[in-house]
Amino acid sequence: MHEIRDKWLQVVAFVEENFEKKPDLNAILFLIGVRELGELRDKPFSKEEKVHLMHIATCKILSFSGYYEHVGFDINGWPAWENKTPLPNLGYLEQESLMRQHIVEYFESEEIIQFQ
C-alpha cells in the first residue's frame, strides 16, 4: 500500500516538474490520453475531445487488469477500446486507489519513470 502511494507521489512530482502545475487524477489521465493518441496539435482539444482522451486513458490503464482491450482505431484515427470484463462495483476511494495503482503501472511499463 505504501509502495503504491510513494510511486503515485513520484508520478505527481514528475508531471508537476514537467508541466509546472500540480496535477490531479484527471489531469494525469488527460496526459496519458494525449500520449496514447500520439498526436500533438497547435489548437487546443475541444471539451468533448478532452473527455474522449480521458476515456482512452482510463481504458488503457484498466487494460492492465483485463477490463478493456484495444480493438483498433475509430474513423478519426483515435484508439478504440472494448470492455471485456465488467468493472467491479467500488466506492469512490477504492476506484481512485485502483486508478492510481494502474497509472503507476502505466508510467512504469511505458518506462516514463523508473521507480526506486
PDB file of N, CA and C in Angstrom:
ATOM      1  N   MET A   1       0.838  -1.202   0.000  1.00  0.00           N
ATOM      2  CA  MET A   1       0.000   0.000   0.000  1.00  0.00           C
ATOM      3  C   MET A   1       0.876   1.256   0.000  1.00  0.00           C
ATOM      4  N   HIS A   2       1.895   1.272   0.879  1.00  0.00           N
ATOM      5  CA  HIS A   2       2.787   2.426   0.941  1.00  0.00           C
ATOM      6  C   HIS A   2       3.608   2.550  -0.333  1.00  0.00           C
ATOM      7  N   GLU A   3       3.947   1.399  -0.919  1.00  0.00           N
ATOM      8  CA  GLU A   3       4.748   1.406  -2.137  1.00  0.00           C
ATOM      9  C   GLU A   3       3.993   2.115  -3.268  1.00  0.00           C
ATOM     10  N   ILE A   4       2.716   1.793  -3.430  1.00  0.00           N
ATOM     11  CA  ILE A   4       1.914   2.443  -4.477  1.00  0.00           C
ATOM     12  C   ILE A   4       1.781   3.932  -4.174  1.00  0.00           C
ATOM     13  N   ARG A   5       1.529   4.273  -2.907  1.00  0.00           N
ATOM     14  CA  ARG A   5       1.407   5.687  -2.547  1.00  0.00           C
ATOM     15  C   ARG A   5       2.689   6.445  -2.865  1.00  0.00           C
ATOM     16  N   ASP A   6       3.821   5.862  -2.525  1.00  0.00           N
ATOM     17  CA  ASP A   6       5.100   6.514  -2.791  1.00  0.00           C
ATOM     18  C   ASP A   6       5.337   6.681  -4.292  1.00  0.00           C
ATOM     19  N   LYS A   7       5.006   5.651  -5.059  1.00  0.00           N
ATOM     20  CA  LYS A   7       5.160   5.734  -6.514  1.00  0.00           C
ATOM     21  C   LYS A   7       4.190   6.755  -7.108  1.00  0.00           C
ATOM     22  N   TRP A   8       2.964   6.795  -6.569  1.00  0.00           N
ATOM     23  CA  TRP A   8       1.986   7.775  -7.028  1.00  0.00           C
ATOM     24  C   TRP A   8       2.522   9.196  -6.806  1.00  0.00           C
ATOM     25  N   LEU A   9       3.102   9.440  -5.654  1.00  0.00           N
ATOM     26  CA  LEU A   9       3.664  10.759  -5.367  1.00  0.00           C
ATOM     27  C   LEU A   9       4.804  11.094  -6.322  1.00  0.00           C
ATOM     28  N   GLN A  10       5.560  10.086  -6.750  1.00  0.00           N
ATOM     29  CA  GLN A  10       6.606  10.303  -7.747  1.00  0.00           C
ATOM     30  C   GLN A  10       6.010  10.669  -9.105  1.00  0.00           C
ATOM     31  N   VAL A  11       4.878  10.030  -9.463  1.00  0.00           N
ATOM     32  CA  VAL A  11       4.187  10.369 -10.718  1.00  0.00           C
ATOM     33  C   VAL A  11       3.725  11.818 -10.668  1.00  0.00           C
ATOM     34  N   VAL A  12       3.088  12.204  -9.570  1.00  0.00           N
ATOM     35  CA  VAL A  12       2.601  13.581  -9.414  1.00  0.00           C
ATOM     36  C   VAL A  12       3.765  14.560  -9.495  1.00  0.00           C
ATOM     37  N   ALA A  13       4.857  14.261  -8.823  1.00  0.00           N
ATOM     38  CA  ALA A  13       6.033  15.140  -8.847  1.00  0.00           C
ATOM     39  C   ALA A  13       6.614  15.235 -10.255  1.00  0.00           C
ATOM     40  N   PHE A  14       6.664  14.124 -10.977  1.00  0.00           N
ATOM     41  CA  PHE A  14       7.177  14.105 -12.347  1.00  0.00           C
ATOM     42  C   PHE A  14       6.327  15.006 -13.251  1.00  0.00           C
ATOM     43  N   VAL A  15       5.017  14.862 -13.162  1.00  0.00           N
ATOM     44  CA  VAL A  15       4.122  15.671 -14.004  1.00  0.00           C
ATOM     45  C   VAL A  15       4.230  17.138 -13.618  1.00  0.00           C
ATOM     46  N   GLU A  16       4.260  17.412 -12.321  1.00  0.00           N
ATOM     47  CA  GLU A  16       4.377  18.789 -11.847  1.00  0.00           C
ATOM     48  C   GLU A  16       5.674  19.425 -12.333  1.00  0.00           C
ATOM     49  N   GLU A  17       6.751  18.663 -12.281  1.00  0.00           N
ATOM     50  CA  GLU A  17       8.058  19.168 -12.708  1.00  0.00           C
ATOM     51  C   GLU A  17       8.085  19.465 -14.210  1.00  0.00           C
ATOM     52  N   ASN A  18       7.426  18.614 -14.998  1.00  0.00           N
ATOM     53  CA  ASN A  18       7.468  18.755 -16.449  1.00  0.00           C
ATOM     54  C   ASN A  18       6.415  19.697 -17.008  1.00  0.00           C
ATOM     55  N   PHE A  19       5.340  19.941 -16.257  1.00  0.00           N
ATOM     56  CA  PHE A  19       4.267  20.803 -16.747  1.00  0.00           C
ATOM     57  C   PHE A  19       4.034  22.015 -15.858  1.00  0.00           C
ATOM     58  N   GLU A  20       4.845  22.137 -14.815  1.00  0.00           N
ATOM     59  CA  GLU A  20       4.818  23.288 -13.910  1.00  0.00           C
ATOM     60  C   GLU A  20       3.434  23.564 -13.329  1.00  0.00           C
ATOM     61  N   LYS A  21       2.719  22.480 -13.052  1.00  0.00           N
ATOM     62  CA  LYS A  21       1.403  22.600 -12.441  1.00  0.00           C
ATOM     63  C   LYS A  21       1.126  21.300 -11.700  1.00  0.00           C
ATOM     64  N   LYS A  22       0.657  21.403 -10.457  1.00  0.00           N
ATOM     65  CA  LYS A  22       0.359  20.191  -9.687  1.00  0.00           C
ATOM     66  C   LYS A  22      -0.897  19.541 -10.267  1.00  0.00           C
ATOM     67  N   PRO A  23      -0.763  18.299 -10.735  1.00  0.00           N
ATOM     68  CA  PRO A  23      -1.891  17.650 -11.400  1.00  0.00           C
ATOM     69  C   PRO A  23      -2.797  16.895 -10.433  1.00  0.00           C
ATOM     70  N   ASP A  24      -4.047  16.761 -10.834  1.00  0.00           N
ATOM     71  CA  ASP A  24      -4.940  15.847 -10.139  1.00  0.00           C
ATOM     72  C   ASP A  24      -5.066  14.595 -11.008  1.00  0.00           C
ATOM     73  N   LEU A  25      -5.858  13.665 -10.577  1.00  0.00           N
ATOM     74  CA  LEU A  25      -6.028  12.404 -11.292  1.00  0.00           C
ATOM     75  C   LEU A  25      -6.502  12.647 -12.731  1.00  0.00           C
ATOM     76  N   ASN A  26      -7.459  13.538 -12.910  1.00  0.00           N
ATOM     77  CA  ASN A  26      -7.994  13.811 -14.247  1.00  0.00           C
ATOM     78  C   ASN A  26      -6.942  14.410 -15.173  1.00  0.00           C
ATOM     79  N   ALA A  27      -6.104  15.275 -14.656  1.00  0.00           N
ATOM     80  CA  ALA A  27      -5.047  15.872 -15.485  1.00  0.00           C
ATOM     81  C   ALA A  27      -4.064  14.801 -15.955  1.00  0.00           C
ATOM     82  N   ILE A  28      -3.743  13.875 -15.070  1.00  0.00           N
ATOM     83  CA  ILE A  28      -2.828  12.796 -15.439  1.00  0.00           C
ATOM     84  C   ILE A  28      -3.486  11.883 -16.467  1.00  0.00           C
ATOM     85  N   LEU A  29      -4.775  11.590 -16.297  1.00  0.00           N
ATOM     86  CA  LEU A  29      -5.493  10.794 -17.294  1.00  0.00           C
ATOM     87  C   LEU A  29      -5.493  11.503 -18.651  1.00  0.00           C
ATOM     88  N   PHE A  30      -5.703  12.805 -18.645  1.00  0.00           N
ATOM     89  CA  PHE A  30      -5.675  13.573 -19.890  1.00  0.00           C
ATOM     90  C   PHE A  30      -4.316  13.426 -20.584  1.00  0.00           C
ATOM     91  N   LEU A  31      -3.249  13.564 -19.824  1.00  0.00           N
ATOM     92  CA  LEU A  31      -1.900  13.438 -20.398  1.00  0.00           C
ATOM     93  C   LEU A  31      -1.652  12.045 -20.965  1.00  0.00           C
ATOM     94  N   ILE A  32      -2.118  11.021 -20.264  1.00  0.00           N
ATOM     95  CA  ILE A  32      -1.981   9.653 -20.776  1.00  0.00           C
ATOM     96  C   ILE A  32      -2.773   9.512 -22.068  1.00  0.00           C
ATOM     97  N   GLY A  33      -3.968  10.088 -22.095  1.00  0.00           N
ATOM     98  CA  GLY A  33      -4.798  10.022 -23.301  1.00  0.00           C
ATOM     99  C   GLY A  33      -4.124  10.676 -24.494  1.00  0.00           C
ATOM    100  N   VAL A  34      -3.525  11.836 -24.281  1.00  0.00           N
ATOM    101  CA  VAL A  34      -2.816  12.533 -25.362  1.00  0.00           C
ATOM    102  C   VAL A  34      -1.643  11.669 -25.829  1.00  0.00           C
ATOM    103  N   ARG A  35      -0.935  11.088 -24.880  1.00  0.00           N
ATOM    104  CA  ARG A  35       0.208  10.227 -25.234  1.00  0.00           C
ATOM    105  C   ARG A  35      -0.253   9.018 -26.038  1.00  0.00           C
ATOM    106  N   GLU A  36      -1.361   8.416 -25.635  1.00  0.00           N
ATOM    107  CA  GLU A  36      -1.889   7.251 -26.350  1.00  0.00           C
ATOM    108  C   GLU A  36      -2.408   7.632 -27.739  1.00  0.00           C
ATOM    109  N   LEU A  37      -2.949   8.817 -27.851  1.00  0.00           N
ATOM    110  CA  LEU A  37      -3.397   9.301 -29.161  1.00  0.00           C
ATOM    111  C   LEU A  37      -2.194   9.508 -30.071  1.00  0.00           C
ATOM    112  N   GLY A  38      -1.112   9.990 -29.473  1.00  0.00           N
ATOM    113  CA  GLY A  38       0.116  10.181 -30.232  1.00  0.00           C
ATOM    114  C   GLY A  38       0.063  11.363 -31.174  1.00  0.00           C
ATOM    115  N   GLU A  39      -0.775  12.326 -30.840  1.00  0.00           N
ATOM    116  CA  GLU A  39      -0.968  13.480 -31.721  1.00  0.00           C
ATOM    117  C   GLU A  39      -0.874  14.776 -30.936  1.00  0.00           C
ATOM    118  N   LEU A  40       0.087  15.592 -31.281  1.00  0.00           N
ATOM    119  CA  LEU A  40       0.164  16.933 -30.701  1.00  0.00           C
ATOM    120  C   LEU A  40      -0.363  17.892 -31.747  1.00  0.00           C
ATOM    121  N   ARG A  41      -1.037  18.905 -31.318  1.00  0.00           N
ATOM    122  CA  ARG A  41      -1.591  19.864 -32.265  1.00  0.00           C
ATOM    123  C   ARG A  41      -1.410  21.278 -31.789  1.00  0.00           C
ATOM    124  N   ASP A  42      -1.539  22.194 -32.713  1.00  0.00           N
ATOM    125  CA  ASP A  42      -1.395  23.612 -32.391  1.00  0.00           C
ATOM    126  C   ASP A  42      -2.625  24.146 -31.679  1.00  0.00           C
ATOM    127  N   LYS A  43      -3.800  23.684 -32.086  1.00  0.00           N
ATOM    128  CA  LYS A  43      -5.029  24.169 -31.454  1.00  0.00           C
ATOM    129  C   LYS A  43      -5.410  23.282 -30.278  1.00  0.00           C
ATOM    130  N   PRO A  44      -6.041  23.859 -29.282  1.00  0.00           N
ATOM    131  CA  PRO A  44      -6.424  23.069 -28.101  1.00  0.00           C
ATOM    132  C   PRO A  44      -7.492  22.023 -28.450  1.00  0.00           C
ATOM    133  N   PHE A  45      -7.549  20.977 -27.642  1.00  0.00           N
ATOM    134  CA  PHE A  45      -8.603  19.984 -27.787  1.00  0.00           C
ATOM    135  C   PHE A  45      -9.921  20.590 -27.310  1.00  0.00           C
ATOM    136  N   SER A  46     -11.021  20.206 -27.950  1.00  0.00           N
ATOM    137  CA  SER A  46     -12.347  20.643 -27.507  1.00  0.00           C
ATOM    138  C   SER A  46     -12.687  19.932 -26.200  1.00  0.00           C
ATOM    139  N   LYS A  47     -13.714  20.404 -25.523  1.00  0.00           N
ATOM    140  CA  LYS A  47     -14.135  19.774 -24.268  1.00  0.00           C
ATOM    141  C   LYS A  47     -14.505  18.311 -24.519  1.00  0.00           C
ATOM    142  N   GLU A  48     -15.209  18.052 -25.607  1.00  0.00           N
ATOM    143  CA  GLU A  48     -15.598  16.684 -25.961  1.00  0.00           C
ATOM    144  C   GLU A  48     -14.366  15.815 -26.220  1.00  0.00           C
ATOM    145  N   GLU A  49     -13.375  16.371 -26.905  1.00  0.00           N
ATOM    146  CA  GLU A  49     -12.147  15.621 -27.171  1.00  0.00           C
ATOM    147  C   GLU A  49     -11.382  15.336 -25.885  1.00  0.00           C
ATOM    148  N   LYS A  50     -11.371  16.279 -24.949  1.00  0.00           N
ATOM    149  CA  LYS A  50     -10.693  16.065 -23.673  1.00  0.00           C
ATOM    150  C   LYS A  50     -11.343  14.911 -22.905  1.00  0.00           C
ATOM    151  N   VAL A  51     -12.667  14.863 -22.919  1.00  0.00           N
ATOM    152  CA  VAL A  51     -13.383  13.769 -22.259  1.00  0.00           C
ATOM    153  C   VAL A  51     -13.028  12.442 -22.933  1.00  0.00           C
ATOM    154  N   HIS A  52     -12.976  12.453 -24.257  1.00  0.00           N
ATOM    155  CA  HIS A  52     -12.634  11.242 -25.014  1.00  0.00           C
ATOM    156  C   HIS A  52     -11.195  10.802 -24.705  1.00  0.00           C
ATOM    157  N   LEU A  53     -10.277  11.765 -24.590  1.00  0.00           N
ATOM    158  CA  LEU A  53      -8.888  11.441 -24.249  1.00  0.00           C
ATOM    159  C   LEU A  53      -8.787  10.800 -22.864  1.00  0.00           C
ATOM    160  N   MET A  54      -9.566  11.301 -21.924  1.00  0.00           N
ATOM    161  CA  MET A  54      -9.561  10.722 -20.580  1.00  0.00           C
ATOM    162  C   MET A  54     -10.158   9.311 -20.605  1.00  0.00           C
ATOM    163  N   HIS A  55     -11.142   9.087 -21.481  1.00  0.00           N
ATOM    164  CA  HIS A  55     -11.718   7.754 -21.639  1.00  0.00           C
ATOM    165  C   HIS A  55     -10.674   6.789 -22.212  1.00  0.00           C
ATOM    166  N   ILE A  56      -9.936   7.247 -23.222  1.00  0.00           N
ATOM    167  CA  ILE A  56      -8.866   6.432 -23.812  1.00  0.00           C
ATOM    168  C   ILE A  56      -7.863   6.037 -22.726  1.00  0.00           C
ATOM    169  N   ALA A  57      -7.467   7.003 -21.911  1.00  0.00           N
ATOM    170  CA  ALA A  57      -6.501   6.733 -20.837  1.00  0.00           C
ATOM    171  C   ALA A  57      -7.060   5.741 -19.832  1.00  0.00           C
ATOM    172  N   THR A  58      -8.312   5.924 -19.458  1.00  0.00           N
ATOM    173  CA  THR A  58      -8.945   5.029 -18.487  1.00  0.00           C
ATOM    174  C   THR A  58      -8.971   3.603 -19.025  1.00  0.00           C
ATOM    175  N   CYS A  59      -9.344   3.460 -20.294  1.00  0.00           N
ATOM    176  CA  CYS A  59      -9.366   2.125 -20.907  1.00  0.00           C
ATOM    177  C   CYS A  59      -7.967   1.534 -20.953  1.00  0.00           C
ATOM    178  N   LYS A  60      -6.996   2.350 -21.329  1.00  0.00           N
ATOM    179  CA  LYS A  60      -5.608   1.873 -21.418  1.00  0.00           C
ATOM    180  C   LYS A  60      -5.128   1.357 -20.071  1.00  0.00           C
ATOM    181  N   ILE A  61      -5.294   2.150 -19.030  1.00  0.00           N
ATOM    182  CA  ILE A  61      -4.762   1.720 -17.739  1.00  0.00           C
ATOM    183  C   ILE A  61      -5.553   0.551 -17.158  1.00  0.00           C
ATOM    184  N   LEU A  62      -6.863   0.508 -17.409  1.00  0.00           N
ATOM    185  CA  LEU A  62      -7.655  -0.614 -16.901  1.00  0.00           C
ATOM    186  C   LEU A  62      -7.447  -1.880 -17.729  1.00  0.00           C
ATOM    187  N   SER A  63      -6.805  -1.737 -18.874  1.00  0.00           N
ATOM    188  CA  SER A  63      -6.473  -2.928 -19.676  1.00  0.00           C
ATOM    189  C   SER A  63      -5.429  -3.781 -18.957  1.00  0.00           C
ATOM    190  N   PHE A  64      -4.664  -3.172 -18.042  1.00  0.00           N
ATOM    191  CA  PHE A  64      -3.678  -3.936 -17.278  1.00  0.00           C
ATOM    192  C   PHE A  64      -4.341  -5.023 -16.439  1.00  0.00           C
ATOM    193  N   SER A  65      -5.598  -4.806 -16.055  1.00  0.00           N
ATOM    194  CA  SER A  65      -6.335  -5.806 -15.278  1.00  0.00           C
ATOM    195  C   SER A  65      -7.309  -6.601 -16.139  1.00  0.00           C
ATOM    196  N   GLY A  66      -7.264  -6.374 -17.441  1.00  0.00           N
ATOM    197  CA  GLY A  66      -8.119  -7.132 -18.348  1.00  0.00           C
ATOM    198  C   GLY A  66      -9.533  -6.606 -18.493  1.00  0.00           C
ATOM    199  N   TYR A  67      -9.813  -5.417 -17.973  1.00  0.00           N
ATOM    200  CA  TYR A  67     -11.157  -4.866 -18.099  1.00  0.00           C
ATOM    201  C   TYR A  67     -11.437  -4.377 -19.519  1.00  0.00           C
ATOM    202  N   TYR A  68     -10.423  -3.874 -20.185  1.00  0.00           N
ATOM    203  CA  TYR A  68     -10.578  -3.361 -21.550  1.00  0.00           C
ATOM    204  C   TYR A  68      -9.518  -3.972 -22.456  1.00  0.00           C
ATOM    205  N   GLU A  69      -9.842  -3.990 -23.757  1.00  0.00           N
ATOM    206  CA  GLU A  69      -8.902  -4.472 -24.759  1.00  0.00           C
ATOM    207  C   GLU A  69      -8.905  -3.487 -25.928  1.00  0.00           C
ATOM    208  N   HIS A  70      -7.715  -3.175 -26.397  1.00  0.00           N
ATOM    209  CA  HIS A  70      -7.586  -2.280 -27.555  1.00  0.00           C
ATOM    210  C   HIS A  70      -8.046  -3.056 -28.786  1.00  0.00           C
ATOM    211  N   VAL A  71      -9.002  -2.494 -29.543  1.00  0.00           N
ATOM    212  CA  VAL A  71      -9.581  -3.207 -30.691  1.00  0.00           C
ATOM    213  C   VAL A  71      -9.312  -2.500 -32.016  1.00  0.00           C
ATOM    214  N   GLY A  72      -8.480  -1.472 -31.996  1.00  0.00           N
ATOM    215  CA  GLY A  72      -8.176  -0.776 -33.239  1.00  0.00           C
ATOM    216  C   GLY A  72      -8.354   0.720 -33.077  1.00  0.00           C
ATOM    217  N   PHE A  73      -8.824   1.333 -34.158  1.00  0.00           N
ATOM    218  CA  PHE A  73      -8.978   2.782 -34.177  1.00  0.00           C
ATOM    219  C   PHE A  73     -10.331   3.139 -34.779  1.00  0.00           C
ATOM    220  N   ASP A  74     -10.895   4.255 -34.309  1.00  0.00           N
ATOM    221  CA  ASP A  74     -12.177   4.699 -34.856  1.00  0.00           C
ATOM    222  C   ASP A  74     -11.947   5.437 -36.183  1.00  0.00           C
ATOM    223  N   ILE A  75     -13.008   5.974 -36.757  1.00  0.00           N
ATOM    224  CA  ILE A  75     -12.895   6.619 -38.074  1.00  0.00           C
ATOM    225  C   ILE A  75     -12.026   7.876 -38.053  1.00  0.00           C
ATOM    226  N   ASN A  76     -11.799   8.427 -36.865  1.00  0.00           N
ATOM    227  CA  ASN A  76     -10.941   9.610 -36.730  1.00  0.00           C
ATOM    228  C   ASN A  76      -9.489   9.243 -36.411  1.00  0.00           C
ATOM    229  N   GLY A  77      -9.205   7.950 -36.336  1.00  0.00           N
ATOM    230  CA  GLY A  77      -7.852   7.509 -36.026  1.00  0.00           C
ATOM    231  C   GLY A  77      -7.534   7.481 -34.540  1.00  0.00           C
ATOM    232  N   TRP A  78      -8.554   7.614 -33.705  1.00  0.00           N
ATOM    233  CA  TRP A  78      -8.353   7.583 -32.260  1.00  0.00           C
ATOM    234  C   TRP A  78      -8.456   6.132 -31.777  1.00  0.00           C
ATOM    235  N   PRO A  79      -7.670   5.761 -30.743  1.00  0.00           N
ATOM    236  CA  PRO A  79      -7.722   4.390 -30.218  1.00  0.00           C
ATOM    237  C   PRO A  79      -9.134   4.016 -29.775  1.00  0.00           C
ATOM    238  N   ALA A  80      -9.531   2.787 -30.116  1.00  0.00           N
ATOM    239  CA  ALA A  80     -10.850   2.269 -29.730  1.00  0.00           C
ATOM    240  C   ALA A  80     -10.643   1.091 -28.786  1.00  0.00           C
ATOM    241  N   TRP A  81     -11.471   1.028 -27.768  1.00  0.00           N
ATOM    242  CA  TRP A  81     -11.360   0.008 -26.739  1.00  0.00           C
ATOM    243  C   TRP A  81     -12.692  -0.700 -26.559  1.00  0.00           C
ATOM    244  N   GLU A  82     -12.624  -1.946 -26.133  1.00  0.00           N
ATOM    245  CA  GLU A  82     -13.829  -2.719 -25.864  1.00  0.00           C
ATOM    246  C   GLU A  82     -13.760  -3.234 -24.434  1.00  0.00           C
ATOM    247  N   ASN A  83     -14.889  -3.107 -23.727  1.00  0.00           N
ATOM    248  CA  ASN A  83     -14.967  -3.625 -22.363  1.00  0.00           C
ATOM    249  C   ASN A  83     -15.054  -5.142 -22.425  1.00  0.00           C
ATOM    250  N   LYS A  84     -14.111  -5.823 -21.743  1.00  0.00           N
ATOM    251  CA  LYS A  84     -14.041  -7.283 -21.771  1.00  0.00           C
ATOM    252  C   LYS A  84     -14.593  -7.934 -20.502  1.00  0.00           C
ATOM    253  N   THR A  85     -14.429  -7.252 -19.389  1.00  0.00           N
ATOM    254  CA  THR A  85     -14.853  -7.776 -18.095  1.00  0.00           C
ATOM    255  C   THR A  85     -15.589  -6.662 -17.365  1.00  0.00           C
ATOM    256  N   PRO A  86     -16.741  -6.974 -16.761  1.00  0.00           N
ATOM    257  CA  PRO A  86     -17.439  -5.924 -16.021  1.00  0.00           C
ATOM    258  C   PRO A  86     -16.550  -5.320 -14.937  1.00  0.00           C
ATOM    259  N   LEU A  87     -16.639  -4.018 -14.810  1.00  0.00           N
ATOM    260  CA  LEU A  87     -15.867  -3.327 -13.775  1.00  0.00           C
ATOM    261  C   LEU A  87     -16.468  -3.638 -12.409  1.00  0.00           C
ATOM    262  N   PRO A  88     -15.625  -3.764 -11.397  1.00  0.00           N
ATOM    263  CA  PRO A  88     -16.160  -4.042 -10.060  1.00  0.00           C
ATOM    264  C   PRO A  88     -16.936  -2.841  -9.525  1.00  0.00           C
ATOM    265  N   ASN A  89     -17.873  -3.126  -8.673  1.00  0.00           N
ATOM    266  CA  ASN A  89     -18.671  -2.072  -8.055  1.00  0.00           C
ATOM    267  C   ASN A  89     -17.901  -1.565  -6.836  1.00  0.00           C
ATOM    268  N   LEU A  90     -17.142  -0.478  -7.034  1.00  0.00           N
ATOM    269  CA  LEU A  90     -16.285   0.049  -5.982  1.00  0.00           C
ATOM    270  C   LEU A  90     -16.774   1.416  -5.523  1.00  0.00           C
ATOM    271  N   GLY A  91     -16.462   1.745  -4.286  1.00  0.00           N
ATOM    272  CA  GLY A  91     -16.717   3.082  -3.785  1.00  0.00           C
ATOM    273  C   GLY A  91     -15.704   4.053  -4.383  1.00  0.00           C
ATOM    274  N   TYR A  92     -15.922   5.333  -4.161  1.00  0.00           N
ATOM    275  CA  TYR A  92     -15.072   6.362  -4.758  1.00  0.00           C
ATOM    276  C   TYR A  92     -13.597   6.186  -4.397  1.00  0.00           C
ATOM    277  N   LEU A  93     -13.298   5.974  -3.114  1.00  0.00           N
ATOM    278  CA  LEU A  93     -11.905   5.850  -2.689  1.00  0.00           C
ATOM    279  C   LEU A  93     -11.246   4.605  -3.267  1.00  0.00           C
ATOM    280  N   GLU A  94     -12.017   3.520  -3.360  1.00  0.00           N
ATOM    281  CA  GLU A  94     -11.478   2.295  -3.955  1.00  0.00           C
ATOM    282  C   GLU A  94     -11.222   2.480  -5.450  1.00  0.00           C
ATOM    283  N   GLN A  95     -12.135   3.196  -6.132  1.00  0.00           N
ATOM    284  CA  GLN A  95     -11.943   3.489  -7.559  1.00  0.00           C
ATOM    285  C   GLN A  95     -10.674   4.310  -7.767  1.00  0.00           C
ATOM    286  N   GLU A  96     -10.527   5.339  -6.952  1.00  0.00           N
ATOM    287  CA  GLU A  96      -9.359   6.205  -7.071  1.00  0.00           C
ATOM    288  C   GLU A  96      -8.074   5.425  -6.795  1.00  0.00           C
ATOM    289  N   SER A  97      -8.108   4.547  -5.818  1.00  0.00           N
ATOM    290  CA  SER A  97      -6.944   3.728  -5.494  1.00  0.00           C
ATOM    291  C   SER A  97      -6.591   2.811  -6.669  1.00  0.00           C
ATOM    292  N   LEU A  98      -7.586   2.197  -7.278  1.00  0.00           N
ATOM    293  CA  LEU A  98      -7.363   1.331  -8.438  1.00  0.00           C
ATOM    294  C   LEU A  98      -6.768   2.130  -9.591  1.00  0.00           C
ATOM    295  N   MET A  99      -7.303   3.306  -9.846  1.00  0.00           N
ATOM    296  CA  MET A  99      -6.803   4.154 -10.927  1.00  0.00           C
ATOM    297  C   MET A  99      -5.358   4.566 -10.659  1.00  0.00           C
ATOM    298  N   ARG A 100      -5.063   4.973  -9.458  1.00  0.00           N
ATOM    299  CA  ARG A 100      -3.686   5.371  -9.114  1.00  0.00           C
ATOM    300  C   ARG A 100      -2.722   4.207  -9.306  1.00  0.00           C
ATOM    301  N   GLN A 101      -3.132   3.030  -8.848  1.00  0.00           N
ATOM    302  CA  GLN A 101      -2.294   1.838  -8.980  1.00  0.00           C
ATOM    303  C   GLN A 101      -1.978   1.584 -10.456  1.00  0.00           C
ATOM    304  N   HIS A 102      -2.977   1.688 -11.310  1.00  0.00           N
ATOM    305  CA  HIS A 102      -2.776   1.424 -12.736  1.00  0.00           C
ATOM    306  C   HIS A 102      -2.028   2.559 -13.443  1.00  0.00           C
ATOM    307  N   ILE A 103      -2.191   3.770 -12.977  1.00  0.00           N
ATOM    308  CA  ILE A 103      -1.408   4.880 -13.537  1.00  0.00           C
ATOM    309  C   ILE A 103       0.066   4.663 -13.217  1.00  0.00           C
ATOM    310  N   VAL A 104       0.356   4.256 -11.991  1.00  0.00           N
ATOM    311  CA  VAL A 104       1.735   3.938 -11.614  1.00  0.00           C
ATOM    312  C   VAL A 104       2.266   2.842 -12.538  1.00  0.00           C
ATOM    313  N   GLU A 105       1.461   1.814 -12.753  1.00  0.00           N
ATOM    314  CA  GLU A 105       1.861   0.709 -13.622  1.00  0.00           C
ATOM    315  C   GLU A 105       2.112   1.205 -15.055  1.00  0.00           C
ATOM    316  N   TYR A 106       1.282   2.132 -15.512  1.00  0.00           N
ATOM    317  CA  TYR A 106       1.457   2.705 -16.853  1.00  0.00           C
ATOM    318  C   TYR A 106       2.799   3.428 -16.960  1.00  0.00           C
ATOM    319  N   PHE A 107       3.076   4.305 -16.003  1.00  0.00           N
ATOM    320  CA  PHE A 107       4.327   5.071 -16.031  1.00  0.00           C
ATOM    321  C   PHE A 107       5.533   4.145 -15.957  1.00  0.00           C
ATOM    322  N   GLU A 108       5.376   3.038 -15.239  1.00  0.00           N
ATOM    323  CA  GLU A 108       6.467   2.073 -15.113  1.00  0.00           C
ATOM    324  C   GLU A 108       6.615   1.251 -16.399  1.00  0.00           C
ATOM    325  N   SER A 109       5.518   0.710 -16.914  1.00  0.00           N
ATOM    326  CA  SER A 109       5.595  -0.154 -18.095  1.00  0.00           C
ATOM    327  C   SER A 109       5.985   0.608 -19.353  1.00  0.00           C
ATOM    328  N   GLU A 110       5.630   1.872 -19.422  1.00  0.00           N
ATOM    329  CA  GLU A 110       5.992   2.712 -20.579  1.00  0.00           C
ATOM    330  C   GLU A 110       7.381   3.328 -20.408  1.00  0.00           C
ATOM    331  N   GLU A 111       8.021   2.990 -19.290  1.00  0.00           N
ATOM    332  CA  GLU A 111       9.367   3.470 -18.981  1.00  0.00           C
ATOM    333  C   GLU A 111       9.469   4.997 -18.959  1.00  0.00           C
ATOM    334  N   ILE A 112       8.414   5.610 -18.456  1.00  0.00           N
ATOM    335  CA  ILE A 112       8.406   7.076 -18.288  1.00  0.00           C
ATOM    336  C   ILE A 112       9.144   7.427 -17.002  1.00  0.00           C
ATOM    337  N   ILE A 113       8.913   6.620 -15.977  1.00  0.00           N
ATOM    338  CA  ILE A 113       9.587   6.787 -14.691  1.00  0.00           C
ATOM    339  C   ILE A 113      10.179   5.443 -14.291  1.00  0.00           C
ATOM    340  N   GLN A 114      11.394   5.460 -13.821  1.00  0.00           N
ATOM    341  CA  GLN A 114      11.995   4.269 -13.250  1.00  0.00           C
ATOM    342  C   GLN A 114      11.945   4.431 -11.735  1.00  0.00           C
ATOM    343  N   PHE A 115      11.016   3.707 -11.120  1.00  0.00           N
ATOM    344  CA  PHE A 115      10.823   3.828  -9.683  1.00  0.00           C
ATOM    345  C   PHE A 115      11.953   3.155  -8.929  1.00  0.00           C
ATOM    346  N   GLN A 116      12.256   3.732  -7.764  1.00  0.00           N
ATOM    347  CA  GLN A 116      13.329   3.182  -6.906  1.00  0.00           C
ATOM    348  C   GLN A 116      12.827   1.955  -6.182  1.00  0.00           C
TER     349      GLN A 116
END
